[in-house]
Amino acid sequence: SGEIQKAETCFQPAPCSVVVFNIPDILDGPELHDVLEIHFQKPT
């Protein structure tokens, strides 16, 4: 039987994902989803 005596962790960025913060409450869910998706799909 094994028992973990010590574990070390570090935080590493996920290569394909980002987190968007501070989104104000001015749009409903589906509309906000579409607005964000359109923005982050623009090459510009």
PDB file of all heavy atoms in Angstrom:
ATOM      1  N   SER A   1       0.850  -1.184   0.000  1.00  0.00           N
ATOM      2  CA  SER A   1       0.000   0.000   0.000  1.00  0.00           C
ATOM      3  C   SER A   1       0.886   1.235   0.000  1.00  0.00           C
ATOM      4  O   SER A   1       1.903   1.285   0.693  1.00  0.00           O
ATOM      5  CB  SER A   1      -0.915   0.006   1.240  1.00  0.00           C
ATOM      6  OG  SER A   1      -0.149  -0.025   2.423  1.00  0.00           O
ATOM      7  N   GLY A   2       0.502   2.215  -0.813  1.00  0.00           N
ATOM      8  CA  GLY A   2       1.290   3.441  -0.913  1.00  0.00           C
ATOM      9  C   GLY A   2       0.563   4.628  -0.309  1.00  0.00           C
ATOM     10  O   GLY A   2      -0.664   4.691  -0.304  1.00  0.00           O
ATOM     11  N   GLU A   3       1.323   5.551   0.205  1.00  0.00           N
ATOM     12  CA  GLU A   3       0.761   6.759   0.796  1.00  0.00           C
ATOM     13  C   GLU A   3       1.579   7.963   0.340  1.00  0.00           C
ATOM     14  O   GLU A   3       2.812   7.939   0.397  1.00  0.00           O
ATOM     15  CB  GLU A   3       0.777   6.669   2.320  1.00  0.00           C
ATOM     16  CG  GLU A   3       0.153   7.873   3.012  1.00  0.00           C
ATOM     17  CD  GLU A   3       0.150   7.732   4.526  1.00  0.00           C
ATOM     18  OE1 GLU A   3       0.431   6.633   5.026  1.00  0.00           O
ATOM     19  OE2 GLU A   3      -0.126   8.740   5.200  1.00  0.00           O
ATOM     20  N   ILE A   4       0.881   8.980  -0.146  1.00  0.00           N
ATOM     21  CA  ILE A   4       1.568  10.194  -0.600  1.00  0.00           C
ATOM     22  C   ILE A   4       2.082  10.963   0.615  1.00  0.00           C
ATOM     23  O   ILE A   4       1.313  11.388   1.475  1.00  0.00           O
ATOM     24  CB  ILE A   4       0.635  11.069  -1.438  1.00  0.00           C
ATOM     25  CG1 ILE A   4       0.215  10.329  -2.722  1.00  0.00           C
ATOM     26  CG2 ILE A   4       1.307  12.397  -1.794  1.00  0.00           C
ATOM     27  CD1 ILE A   4      -0.741  11.100  -3.590  1.00  0.00           C
ATOM     28  N   GLN A   5       3.395  11.120   0.696  1.00  0.00           N
ATOM     29  CA  GLN A   5       4.012  11.855   1.795  1.00  0.00           C
ATOM     30  C   GLN A   5       4.179  13.336   1.474  1.00  0.00           C
ATOM     31  O   GLN A   5       4.090  14.185   2.347  1.00  0.00           O
ATOM     32  CB  GLN A   5       5.386  11.247   2.115  1.00  0.00           C
ATOM     33  CG  GLN A   5       5.340   9.795   2.538  1.00  0.00           C
ATOM     34  CD  GLN A   5       4.691   9.603   3.886  1.00  0.00           C
ATOM     35  OE1 GLN A   5       4.726  10.479   4.748  1.00  0.00           O
ATOM     36  NE2 GLN A   5       4.079   8.453   4.086  1.00  0.00           N
ATOM     37  N   LYS A   6       4.386  13.610   0.188  1.00  0.00           N
ATOM     38  CA  LYS A   6       4.659  14.997  -0.196  1.00  0.00           C
ATOM     39  C   LYS A   6       4.284  15.184  -1.657  1.00  0.00           C
ATOM     40  O   LYS A   6       4.539  14.315  -2.481  1.00  0.00           O
ATOM     41  CB  LYS A   6       6.145  15.315   0.013  1.00  0.00           C
ATOM     42  CG  LYS A   6       6.547  16.742  -0.333  1.00  0.00           C
ATOM     43  CD  LYS A   6       8.034  16.933  -0.119  1.00  0.00           C
ATOM     44  CE  LYS A   6       8.481  18.334  -0.485  1.00  0.00           C
ATOM     45  NZ  LYS A   6       9.944  18.507  -0.318  1.00  0.00           N
ATOM     46  N   ALA A   7       3.664  16.287  -1.960  1.00  0.00           N
ATOM     47  CA  ALA A   7       3.303  16.601  -3.342  1.00  0.00           C
ATOM     48  C   ALA A   7       3.581  18.078  -3.600  1.00  0.00           C
ATOM     49  O   ALA A   7       3.210  18.931  -2.795  1.00  0.00           O
ATOM     50  CB  ALA A   7       1.839  16.279  -3.609  1.00  0.00           C
ATOM     51  N   GLU A   8       4.246  18.360  -4.698  1.00  0.00           N
ATOM     52  CA  GLU A   8       4.555  19.733  -5.073  1.00  0.00           C
ATOM     53  C   GLU A   8       3.818  20.059  -6.369  1.00  0.00           C
ATOM     54  O   GLU A   8       3.790  19.247  -7.293  1.00  0.00           O
ATOM     55  CB  GLU A   8       6.058  19.917  -5.265  1.00  0.00           C
ATOM     56  CG  GLU A   8       6.865  19.703  -3.984  1.00  0.00           C
ATOM     57  CD  GLU A   8       8.355  19.852  -4.216  1.00  0.00           C
ATOM     58  OE1 GLU A   8       8.740  20.149  -5.374  1.00  0.00           O
ATOM     59  OE2 GLU A   8       9.128  19.695  -3.257  1.00  0.00           O
ATOM     60  N   THR A   9       3.227  21.231  -6.414  1.00  0.00           N
ATOM     61  CA  THR A   9       2.484  21.655  -7.591  1.00  0.00           C
ATOM     62  C   THR A   9       2.984  23.016  -8.076  1.00  0.00           C
ATOM     63  O   THR A   9       3.603  23.772  -7.312  1.00  0.00           O
ATOM     64  CB  THR A   9       0.975  21.751  -7.302  1.00  0.00           C
ATOM     65  OG1 THR A   9       0.763  22.712  -6.259  1.00  0.00           O
ATOM     66  CG2 THR A   9       0.420  20.402  -6.866  1.00  0.00           C
ATOM     67  N   CYS A  10       2.723  23.291  -9.308  1.00  0.00           N
ATOM     68  CA  CYS A  10       2.986  24.613  -9.862  1.00  0.00           C
ATOM     69  C   CYS A  10       1.868  24.918 -10.861  1.00  0.00           C
ATOM     70  O   CYS A  10       1.171  24.015 -11.313  1.00  0.00           O
ATOM     71  CB  CYS A  10       4.360  24.676 -10.534  1.00  0.00           C
ATOM     72  SG  CYS A  10       4.465  23.715 -12.048  1.00  0.00           S
ATOM     73  N   PHE A  11       1.695  26.195 -11.169  1.00  0.00           N
ATOM     74  CA  PHE A  11       0.644  26.597 -12.099  1.00  0.00           C
ATOM     75  C   PHE A  11       1.255  26.808 -13.485  1.00  0.00           C
ATOM     76  O   PHE A  11       2.236  27.530 -13.640  1.00  0.00           O
ATOM     77  CB  PHE A  11      -0.035  27.874 -11.613  1.00  0.00           C
ATOM     78  CG  PHE A  11      -0.960  27.646 -10.452  1.00  0.00           C
ATOM     79  CD1 PHE A  11      -0.488  27.679  -9.154  1.00  0.00           C
ATOM     80  CD2 PHE A  11      -2.302  27.370 -10.661  1.00  0.00           C
ATOM     81  CE1 PHE A  11      -1.332  27.451  -8.072  1.00  0.00           C
ATOM     82  CE2 PHE A  11      -3.159  27.144  -9.597  1.00  0.00           C
ATOM     83  CZ  PHE A  11      -2.681  27.191  -8.294  1.00  0.00           C
ATOM     84  N   GLN A  12       0.651  26.155 -14.460  1.00  0.00           N
ATOM     85  CA  GLN A  12       1.120  26.260 -15.833  1.00  0.00           C
ATOM     86  C   GLN A  12      -0.028  26.715 -16.724  1.00  0.00           C
ATOM     87  O   GLN A  12      -1.164  26.261 -16.555  1.00  0.00           O
ATOM     88  CB  GLN A  12       1.655  24.914 -16.320  1.00  0.00           C
ATOM     89  CG  GLN A  12       2.865  24.421 -15.557  1.00  0.00           C
ATOM     90  CD  GLN A  12       3.395  23.103 -16.100  1.00  0.00           C
ATOM     91  OE1 GLN A  12       2.847  22.565 -17.063  1.00  0.00           O
ATOM     92  NE2 GLN A  12       4.443  22.599 -15.499  1.00  0.00           N
ATOM     93  N   PRO A  13       0.236  27.603 -17.664  1.00  0.00           N
ATOM     94  CA  PRO A  13      -0.834  28.092 -18.542  1.00  0.00           C
ATOM     95  C   PRO A  13      -1.321  27.022 -19.503  1.00  0.00           C
ATOM     96  O   PRO A  13      -0.522  26.262 -20.054  1.00  0.00           O
ATOM     97  CB  PRO A  13      -0.173  29.253 -19.287  1.00  0.00           C
ATOM     98  CG  PRO A  13       1.289  28.964 -19.227  1.00  0.00           C
ATOM     99  CD  PRO A  13       1.540  28.241 -17.941  1.00  0.00           C
ATOM    100  N   ALA A  14      -2.632  26.956 -19.677  1.00  0.00           N
ATOM    101  CA  ALA A  14      -3.203  26.071 -20.696  1.00  0.00           C
ATOM    102  C   ALA A  14      -2.951  26.711 -22.052  1.00  0.00           C
ATOM    103  O   ALA A  14      -3.282  27.885 -22.270  1.00  0.00           O
ATOM    104  CB  ALA A  14      -4.688  25.872 -20.448  1.00  0.00           C
ATOM    105  N   PRO A  15      -2.370  26.007 -23.006  1.00  0.00           N
ATOM    106  CA  PRO A  15      -1.876  26.636 -24.237  1.00  0.00           C
ATOM    107  C   PRO A  15      -2.952  27.231 -25.135  1.00  0.00           C
ATOM    108  O   PRO A  15      -2.676  28.172 -25.870  1.00  0.00           O
ATOM    109  CB  PRO A  15      -1.138  25.493 -24.952  1.00  0.00           C
ATOM    110  CG  PRO A  15      -1.724  24.241 -24.388  1.00  0.00           C
ATOM    111  CD  PRO A  15      -2.087  24.560 -22.979  1.00  0.00           C
ATOM    112  N   CYS A  16      -4.171  26.725 -25.102  1.00  0.00           N
ATOM    113  CA  CYS A  16      -5.189  27.170 -26.053  1.00  0.00           C
ATOM    114  C   CYS A  16      -6.297  28.003 -25.435  1.00  0.00           C
ATOM    115  O   CYS A  16      -7.223  28.414 -26.142  1.00  0.00           O
ATOM    116  CB  CYS A  16      -5.819  25.954 -26.746  1.00  0.00           C
ATOM    117  SG  CYS A  16      -4.682  25.016 -27.781  1.00  0.00           S
ATOM    118  N   SER A  17      -6.249  28.251 -24.119  1.00  0.00           N
ATOM    119  CA  SER A  17      -7.383  28.889 -23.439  1.00  0.00           C
ATOM    120  C   SER A  17      -6.986  30.185 -22.764  1.00  0.00           C
ATOM    121  O   SER A  17      -5.835  30.367 -22.342  1.00  0.00           O
ATOM    122  CB  SER A  17      -7.986  27.936 -22.397  1.00  0.00           C
ATOM    123  OG  SER A  17      -8.452  26.745 -22.999  1.00  0.00           O
ATOM    124  N   VAL A  18      -7.979  31.101 -22.653  1.00  0.00           N
ATOM    125  CA  VAL A  18      -7.830  32.347 -21.914  1.00  0.00           C
ATOM    126  C   VAL A  18      -9.086  32.559 -21.077  1.00  0.00           C
ATOM    127  O   VAL A  18     -10.139  31.984 -21.355  1.00  0.00           O
ATOM    128  CB  VAL A  18      -7.614  33.554 -22.857  1.00  0.00           C
ATOM    129  CG1 VAL A  18      -6.366  33.376 -23.703  1.00  0.00           C
ATOM    130  CG2 VAL A  18      -8.840  33.776 -23.734  1.00  0.00           C
ATOM    131  N   VAL A  19      -8.947  33.375 -20.033  1.00  0.00           N
ATOM    132  CA  VAL A  19     -10.091  33.709 -19.183  1.00  0.00           C
ATOM    133  C   VAL A  19     -10.368  35.202 -19.304  1.00  0.00           C
ATOM    134  O   VAL A  19      -9.448  36.020 -19.242  1.00  0.00           O
ATOM    135  CB  VAL A  19      -9.821  33.345 -17.712  1.00  0.00           C
ATOM    136  CG1 VAL A  19     -11.065  33.592 -16.865  1.00  0.00           C
ATOM    137  CG2 VAL A  19      -9.397  31.891 -17.583  1.00  0.00           C
ATOM    138  N   VAL A  20     -11.642  35.540 -19.501  1.00  0.00           N
ATOM    139  CA  VAL A  20     -12.084  36.932 -19.626  1.00  0.00           C
ATOM    140  C   VAL A  20     -12.761  37.334 -18.315  1.00  0.00           C
ATOM    141  O   VAL A  20     -13.672  36.644 -17.844  1.00  0.00           O
ATOM    142  CB  VAL A  20     -13.058  37.094 -20.803  1.00  0.00           C
ATOM    143  CG1 VAL A  20     -13.443  38.559 -20.969  1.00  0.00           C
ATOM    144  CG2 VAL A  20     -12.441  36.540 -22.092  1.00  0.00           C
ATOM    145  N   PHE A  21     -12.300  38.433 -17.712  1.00  0.00           N
ATOM    146  CA  PHE A  21     -12.834  38.901 -16.432  1.00  0.00           C
ATOM    147  C   PHE A  21     -13.542  40.252 -16.582  1.00  0.00           C
ATOM    148  O   PHE A  21     -13.401  40.940 -17.597  1.00  0.00           O
ATOM    149  CB  PHE A  21     -11.708  39.029 -15.398  1.00  0.00           C
ATOM    150  CG  PHE A  21     -11.094  37.714 -14.987  1.00  0.00           C
ATOM    151  CD1 PHE A  21      -9.868  37.321 -15.500  1.00  0.00           C
ATOM    152  CD2 PHE A  21     -11.736  36.872 -14.086  1.00  0.00           C
ATOM    153  CE1 PHE A  21      -9.289  36.122 -15.124  1.00  0.00           C
ATOM    154  CE2 PHE A  21     -11.171  35.674 -13.703  1.00  0.00           C
ATOM    155  CZ  PHE A  21      -9.943  35.295 -14.222  1.00  0.00           C
ATOM    156  N   ASN A  22     -14.264  40.591 -15.501  1.00  0.00           N
ATOM    157  CA  ASN A  22     -14.923  41.913 -15.378  1.00  0.00           C
ATOM    158  C   ASN A  22     -15.930  42.174 -16.500  1.00  0.00           C
ATOM    159  O   ASN A  22     -15.990  43.293 -17.056  1.00  0.00           O
ATOM    160  CB  ASN A  22     -13.881  43.036 -15.321  1.00  0.00           C
ATOM    161  CG  ASN A  22     -12.968  42.901 -14.110  1.00  0.00           C
ATOM    162  OD1 ASN A  22     -13.381  42.383 -13.070  1.00  0.00           O
ATOM    163  ND2 ASN A  22     -11.734  43.361 -14.259  1.00  0.00           N
ATOM    164  N   ILE A  23     -16.732  41.175 -16.835  1.00  0.00           N
ATOM    165  CA  ILE A  23     -17.780  41.357 -17.836  1.00  0.00           C
ATOM    166  C   ILE A  23     -18.996  41.981 -17.141  1.00  0.00           C
ATOM    167  O   ILE A  23     -19.554  41.378 -16.209  1.00  0.00           O
ATOM    168  CB  ILE A  23     -18.170  40.014 -18.486  1.00  0.00           C
ATOM    169  CG1 ILE A  23     -16.944  39.362 -19.138  1.00  0.00           C
ATOM    170  CG2 ILE A  23     -19.286  40.215 -19.503  1.00  0.00           C
ATOM    171  CD1 ILE A  23     -17.217  37.974 -19.697  1.00  0.00           C
ATOM    172  N   PRO A  24     -19.425  43.172 -17.549  1.00  0.00           N
ATOM    173  CA  PRO A  24     -20.563  43.821 -16.875  1.00  0.00           C
ATOM    174  C   PRO A  24     -21.884  43.123 -17.180  1.00  0.00           C
ATOM    175  O   PRO A  24     -22.030  42.432 -18.197  1.00  0.00           O
ATOM    176  CB  PRO A  24     -20.542  45.242 -17.437  1.00  0.00           C
ATOM    177  CG  PRO A  24     -19.868  45.118 -18.767  1.00  0.00           C
ATOM    178  CD  PRO A  24     -18.857  44.019 -18.621  1.00  0.00           C
ATOM    179  N   ASP A  25     -22.852  43.340 -16.315  1.00  0.00           N
ATOM    180  CA  ASP A  25     -24.156  42.688 -16.451  1.00  0.00           C
ATOM    181  C   ASP A  25     -25.099  43.592 -17.246  1.00  0.00           C
ATOM    182  O   ASP A  25     -26.019  44.211 -16.701  1.00  0.00           O
ATOM    183  CB  ASP A  25     -24.724  42.398 -15.061  1.00  0.00           C
ATOM    184  CG  ASP A  25     -25.987  41.551 -15.131  1.00  0.00           C
ATOM    185  OD1 ASP A  25     -26.257  40.996 -16.203  1.00  0.00           O
ATOM    186  OD2 ASP A  25     -26.691  41.465 -14.100  1.00  0.00           O
ATOM    187  N   ILE A  26     -24.855  43.634 -18.575  1.00  0.00           N
ATOM    188  CA  ILE A  26     -25.716  44.481 -19.413  1.00  0.00           C
ATOM    189  C   ILE A  26     -26.370  43.695 -20.546  1.00  0.00           C
ATOM    190  O   ILE A  26     -27.233  44.230 -21.249  1.00  0.00           O
ATOM    191  CB  ILE A  26     -24.925  45.668 -20.001  1.00  0.00           C
ATOM    192  CG1 ILE A  26     -23.772  45.167 -20.871  1.00  0.00           C
ATOM    193  CG2 ILE A  26     -24.408  46.588 -18.889  1.00  0.00           C
ATOM    194  CD1 ILE A  26     -23.055  46.283 -21.602  1.00  0.00           C
ATOM    195  N   LEU A  27     -25.956  42.428 -20.726  1.00  0.00           N
ATOM    196  CA  LEU A  27     -26.534  41.598 -21.779  1.00  0.00           C
ATOM    197  C   LEU A  27     -26.965  40.261 -21.182  1.00  0.00           C
ATOM    198  O   LEU A  27     -26.382  39.781 -20.206  1.00  0.00           O
ATOM    199  CB  LEU A  27     -25.508  41.343 -22.897  1.00  0.00           C
ATOM    200  CG  LEU A  27     -25.017  42.573 -23.686  1.00  0.00           C
ATOM    201  CD1 LEU A  27     -23.892  42.157 -24.630  1.00  0.00           C
ATOM    202  CD2 LEU A  27     -26.157  43.206 -24.472  1.00  0.00           C
ATOM    203  N   ASP A  28     -27.981  39.678 -21.792  1.00  0.00           N
ATOM    204  CA  ASP A  28     -28.394  38.353 -21.319  1.00  0.00           C
ATOM    205  C   ASP A  28     -27.416  37.295 -21.835  1.00  0.00           C
ATOM    206  O   ASP A  28     -26.541  37.575 -22.674  1.00  0.00           O
ATOM    207  CB  ASP A  28     -29.824  38.024 -21.749  1.00  0.00           C
ATOM    208  CG  ASP A  28     -30.007  38.054 -23.263  1.00  0.00           C
ATOM    209  OD1 ASP A  28     -28.981  38.051 -23.976  1.00  0.00           O
ATOM    210  OD2 ASP A  28     -31.162  38.058 -23.720  1.00  0.00           O
ATOM    211  N   GLY A  29     -27.545  36.065 -21.335  1.00  0.00           N
ATOM    212  CA  GLY A  29     -26.579  35.002 -21.618  1.00  0.00           C
ATOM    213  C   GLY A  29     -26.327  34.729 -23.077  1.00  0.00           C
ATOM    214  O   GLY A  29     -25.181  34.846 -23.558  1.00  0.00           O
ATOM    215  N   PRO A  30     -27.334  34.357 -23.859  1.00  0.00           N
ATOM    216  CA  PRO A  30     -27.099  34.029 -25.263  1.00  0.00           C
ATOM    217  C   PRO A  30     -26.522  35.185 -26.067  1.00  0.00           C
ATOM    218  O   PRO A  30     -25.637  34.998 -26.910  1.00  0.00           O
ATOM    219  CB  PRO A  30     -28.492  33.639 -25.772  1.00  0.00           C
ATOM    220  CG  PRO A  30     -29.241  33.203 -24.546  1.00  0.00           C
ATOM    221  CD  PRO A  30     -28.729  34.071 -23.452  1.00  0.00           C
ATOM    222  N   GLU A  31     -27.017  36.404 -25.822  1.00  0.00           N
ATOM    223  CA  GLU A  31     -26.516  37.555 -26.568  1.00  0.00           C
ATOM    224  C   GLU A  31     -25.065  37.848 -26.217  1.00  0.00           C
ATOM    225  O   GLU A  31     -24.237  38.151 -27.093  1.00  0.00           O
ATOM    226  CB  GLU A  31     -27.392  38.772 -26.276  1.00  0.00           C
ATOM    227  CG  GLU A  31     -27.061  39.977 -27.156  1.00  0.00           C
ATOM    228  CD  GLU A  31     -27.985  41.156 -26.909  1.00  0.00           C
ATOM    229  OE1 GLU A  31     -28.886  41.027 -26.034  1.00  0.00           O
ATOM    230  OE2 GLU A  31     -27.815  42.188 -27.586  1.00  0.00           O
ATOM    231  N   LEU A  32     -24.729  37.756 -24.909  1.00  0.00           N
ATOM    232  CA  LEU A  32     -23.352  37.984 -24.483  1.00  0.00           C
ATOM    233  C   LEU A  32     -22.426  36.933 -25.080  1.00  0.00           C
ATOM    234  O   LEU A  32     -21.302  37.245 -25.507  1.00  0.00           O
ATOM    235  CB  LEU A  32     -23.275  37.960 -22.955  1.00  0.00           C
ATOM    236  CG  LEU A  32     -21.894  38.136 -22.343  1.00  0.00           C
ATOM    237  CD1 LEU A  32     -21.277  39.470 -22.747  1.00  0.00           C
ATOM    238  CD2 LEU A  32     -21.967  38.020 -20.820  1.00  0.00           C
ATOM    239  N   HIS A  33     -22.880  35.699 -25.134  1.00  0.00           N
ATOM    240  CA  HIS A  33     -22.087  34.619 -25.719  1.00  0.00           C
ATOM    241  C   HIS A  33     -21.755  34.936 -27.185  1.00  0.00           C
ATOM    242  O   HIS A  33     -20.588  34.799 -27.614  1.00  0.00           O
ATOM    243  CB  HIS A  33     -22.872  33.307 -25.627  1.00  0.00           C
ATOM    244  CG  HIS A  33     -22.127  32.111 -26.150  1.00  0.00           C
ATOM    245  ND1 HIS A  33     -22.001  31.843 -27.500  1.00  0.00           N
ATOM    246  CD2 HIS A  33     -21.475  31.118 -25.500  1.00  0.00           C
ATOM    247  CE1 HIS A  33     -21.302  30.740 -27.666  1.00  0.00           C
ATOM    248  NE2 HIS A  33     -20.971  30.268 -26.466  1.00  0.00           N
ATOM    249  N   ASP A  34     -22.742  35.393 -27.952  1.00  0.00           N
ATOM    250  CA  ASP A  34     -22.515  35.694 -29.365  1.00  0.00           C
ATOM    251  C   ASP A  34     -21.566  36.863 -29.541  1.00  0.00           C
ATOM    252  O   ASP A  34     -20.685  36.846 -30.421  1.00  0.00           O
ATOM    253  CB  ASP A  34     -23.851  35.999 -30.051  1.00  0.00           C
ATOM    254  CG  ASP A  34     -24.754  34.775 -30.126  1.00  0.00           C
ATOM    255  OD1 ASP A  34     -24.240  33.652 -29.987  1.00  0.00           O
ATOM    256  OD2 ASP A  34     -25.976  34.955 -30.294  1.00  0.00           O
ATOM    257  N   VAL A  35     -21.719  37.907 -28.690  1.00  0.00           N
ATOM    258  CA  VAL A  35     -20.854  39.087 -28.796  1.00  0.00           C
ATOM    259  C   VAL A  35     -19.403  38.718 -28.523  1.00  0.00           C
ATOM    260  O   VAL A  35     -18.475  39.141 -29.249  1.00  0.00           O
ATOM    261  CB  VAL A  35     -21.341  40.180 -27.819  1.00  0.00           C
ATOM    262  CG1 VAL A  35     -20.296  41.285 -27.701  1.00  0.00           C
ATOM    263  CG2 VAL A  35     -22.659  40.767 -28.290  1.00  0.00           C
ATOM    264  N   LEU A  36     -19.169  37.928 -27.491  1.00  0.00           N
ATOM    265  CA  LEU A  36     -17.799  37.518 -27.152  1.00  0.00           C
ATOM    266  C   LEU A  36     -17.203  36.629 -28.245  1.00  0.00           C
ATOM    267  O   LEU A  36     -16.032  36.783 -28.618  1.00  0.00           O
ATOM    268  CB  LEU A  36     -17.788  36.779 -25.812  1.00  0.00           C
ATOM    269  CG  LEU A  36     -18.100  37.610 -24.564  1.00  0.00           C
ATOM    270  CD1 LEU A  36     -18.192  36.708 -23.335  1.00  0.00           C
ATOM    271  CD2 LEU A  36     -17.036  38.685 -24.351  1.00  0.00           C
ATOM    272  N   GLU A  37     -18.000  35.704 -28.754  1.00  0.00           N
ATOM    273  CA  GLU A  37     -17.491  34.791 -29.776  1.00  0.00           C
ATOM    274  C   GLU A  37     -17.113  35.550 -31.045  1.00  0.00           C
ATOM    275  O   GLU A  37     -16.052  35.283 -31.656  1.00  0.00           O
ATOM    276  CB  GLU A  37     -18.539  33.726 -30.088  1.00  0.00           C
ATOM    277  CG  GLU A  37     -18.035  32.638 -31.028  1.00  0.00           C
ATOM    278  CD  GLU A  37     -19.029  31.507 -31.156  1.00  0.00           C
ATOM    279  OE1 GLU A  37     -20.238  31.727 -30.924  1.00  0.00           O
ATOM    280  OE2 GLU A  37     -18.600  30.386 -31.508  1.00  0.00           O
ATOM    281  N   ILE A  38     -17.929  36.511 -31.452  1.00  0.00           N
ATOM    282  CA  ILE A  38     -17.625  37.300 -32.649  1.00  0.00           C
ATOM    283  C   ILE A  38     -16.340  38.093 -32.459  1.00  0.00           C
ATOM    284  O   ILE A  38     -15.480  38.158 -33.351  1.00  0.00           O
ATOM    285  CB  ILE A  38     -18.809  38.238 -32.985  1.00  0.00           C
ATOM    286  CG1 ILE A  38     -20.012  37.417 -33.439  1.00  0.00           C
ATOM    287  CG2 ILE A  38     -18.404  39.249 -34.057  1.00  0.00           C
ATOM    288  CD1 ILE A  38     -21.284  38.229 -33.607  1.00  0.00           C
ATOM    289  N   HIS A  39     -16.188  38.689 -31.262  1.00  0.00           N
ATOM    290  CA  HIS A  39     -15.004  39.507 -30.999  1.00  0.00           C
ATOM    291  C   HIS A  39     -13.726  38.674 -31.077  1.00  0.00           C
ATOM    292  O   HIS A  39     -12.746  39.077 -31.731  1.00  0.00           O
ATOM    293  CB  HIS A  39     -15.112  40.158 -29.626  1.00  0.00           C
ATOM    294  CG  HIS A  39     -13.862  40.866 -29.202  1.00  0.00           C
ATOM    295  ND1 HIS A  39     -13.536  42.139 -29.633  1.00  0.00           N
ATOM    296  CD2 HIS A  39     -12.831  40.462 -28.395  1.00  0.00           C
ATOM    297  CE1 HIS A  39     -12.377  42.492 -29.108  1.00  0.00           C
ATOM    298  NE2 HIS A  39     -11.929  41.499 -28.350  1.00  0.00           N
ATOM    299  N   PHE A  40     -13.722  37.507 -30.401  1.00  0.00           N
ATOM    300  CA  PHE A  40     -12.485  36.719 -30.328  1.00  0.00           C
ATOM    301  C   PHE A  40     -12.235  35.882 -31.584  1.00  0.00           C
ATOM    302  O   PHE A  40     -11.207  35.225 -31.673  1.00  0.00           O
ATOM    303  CB  PHE A  40     -12.522  35.816 -29.085  1.00  0.00           C
ATOM    304  CG  PHE A  40     -12.329  36.578 -27.805  1.00  0.00           C
ATOM    305  CD1 PHE A  40     -13.389  36.744 -26.918  1.00  0.00           C
ATOM    306  CD2 PHE A  40     -11.107  37.144 -27.493  1.00  0.00           C
ATOM    307  CE1 PHE A  40     -13.218  37.456 -25.739  1.00  0.00           C
ATOM    308  CE2 PHE A  40     -10.929  37.851 -26.309  1.00  0.00           C
ATOM    309  CZ  PHE A  40     -11.991  38.019 -25.435  1.00  0.00           C
ATOM    310  N   GLN A  41     -13.134  35.967 -32.553  1.00  0.00           N
ATOM    311  CA  GLN A  41     -12.877  35.330 -33.833  1.00  0.00           C
ATOM    312  C   GLN A  41     -12.316  36.299 -34.869  1.00  0.00           C
ATOM    313  O   GLN A  41     -11.864  35.866 -35.932  1.00  0.00           O
ATOM    314  CB  GLN A  41     -14.174  34.705 -34.383  1.00  0.00           C
ATOM    315  CG  GLN A  41     -14.540  33.381 -33.721  1.00  0.00           C
ATOM    316  CD  GLN A  41     -15.776  32.753 -34.344  1.00  0.00           C
ATOM    317  OE1 GLN A  41     -16.617  33.445 -34.906  1.00  0.00           O
ATOM    318  NE2 GLN A  41     -15.896  31.442 -34.231  1.00  0.00           N
ATOM    319  N   LYS A  42     -12.298  37.580 -34.542  1.00  0.00           N
ATOM    320  CA  LYS A  42     -11.818  38.583 -35.504  1.00  0.00           C
ATOM    321  C   LYS A  42     -10.294  38.583 -35.562  1.00  0.00           C
ATOM    322  O   LYS A  42      -9.629  38.800 -34.550  1.00  0.00           O
ATOM    323  CB  LYS A  42     -12.302  39.966 -35.105  1.00  0.00           C
ATOM    324  CG  LYS A  42     -13.811  40.167 -35.257  1.00  0.00           C
ATOM    325  CD  LYS A  42     -14.198  41.582 -34.851  1.00  0.00           C
ATOM    326  CE  LYS A  42     -15.687  41.834 -35.049  1.00  0.00           C
ATOM    327  NZ  LYS A  42     -16.078  43.199 -34.638  1.00  0.00           N
ATOM    328  N   PRO A  43      -9.702  38.350 -36.723  1.00  0.00           N
ATOM    329  CA  PRO A  43      -8.236  38.419 -36.847  1.00  0.00           C
ATOM    330  C   PRO A  43      -7.690  39.803 -36.501  1.00  0.00           C
ATOM    331  O   PRO A  43      -6.552  39.914 -36.027  1.00  0.00           O
ATOM    332  CB  PRO A  43      -7.988  38.071 -38.322  1.00  0.00           C
ATOM    333  CG  PRO A  43      -9.202  37.307 -38.742  1.00  0.00           C
ATOM    334  CD  PRO A  43     -10.340  37.908 -37.971  1.00  0.00           C
ATOM    335  N   THR A  44      -8.481  40.865 -36.736  1.00  0.00           N
ATOM    336  CA  THR A  44      -8.016  42.214 -36.422  1.00  0.00           C
ATOM    337  C   THR A  44      -7.860  42.418 -34.918  1.00  0.00           C
ATOM    338  O   THR A  44      -7.165  43.345 -34.491  1.00  0.00           O
ATOM    339  CB  THR A  44      -9.005  43.249 -36.972  1.00  0.00           C
ATOM    340  OG1 THR A  44     -10.323  42.981 -36.454  1.00  0.00           O
ATOM    341  CG2 THR A  44      -9.043  43.195 -38.483  1.00  0.00           C
TER     342      THR A  44
END
